[in-house]
Structures are given as structure tokens and as C-alpha cells.
């Protein structure tokens, strides 16, 4: 696998996880 593709994939996963975490915390009313 291309290292550039891999790093892009990892950053996309990170953004998705961050977005879900923010959504979850807002729903819980912690932010």
C-alpha cells in the first residue's frame, strides 16, 4: 500500500472519530 494513501486514510479515520466523539459529548451535554 502507498504510504501517502495510508497516511491520508489514517487522518480521515481520525477526523471521523473526532466528529463522532464531539457529537457524543454534545449529546451527553459535557461540552
Protein backbone atom coordinates (compact mmCIF):
# COMPACT_ATOMS: atom_id res chain seq x y z
CA UNK A 1 0.00 0.00 0.00
CA UNK A 2 1.17 3.51 -0.85
CA UNK A 3 2.46 5.33 2.30
CA UNK A 4 0.72 8.55 1.21
CA UNK A 5 -2.60 6.77 0.78
CA UNK A 6 -2.12 5.12 4.16
CA UNK A 7 -1.45 8.42 5.97
CA UNK A 8 -4.46 10.05 4.26
CA UNK A 9 -6.62 7.09 5.31
CA UNK A 10 -5.40 7.37 8.91
CA UNK A 11 -6.13 11.11 9.04
CA UNK A 12 -9.62 10.57 7.57
CA UNK A 13 -10.33 7.93 10.23
CA UNK A 14 -9.08 10.37 12.89
CA UNK A 15 -11.39 13.13 11.65
CA UNK A 16 -14.38 10.76 11.61
CA UNK A 17 -13.63 9.52 15.14
CA UNK A 18 -13.19 13.12 16.34
CA UNK A 19 -16.50 14.16 14.80
CA UNK A 20 -18.35 11.23 16.38
CA UNK A 21 -16.71 11.95 19.76
CA UNK A 22 -17.78 15.61 19.61
CA UNK A 23 -21.31 14.61 18.64
CA UNK A 24 -21.44 12.11 21.51
CA UNK A 25 -20.11 14.59 24.08
CA UNK A 26 -22.56 17.28 22.93
CA UNK A 27 -25.43 14.80 23.19
CA UNK A 28 -24.31 13.99 26.74
CA UNK A 29 -24.13 17.72 27.45
CA UNK A 30 -20.47 17.63 28.51
CA UNK A 31 -19.43 20.40 26.11
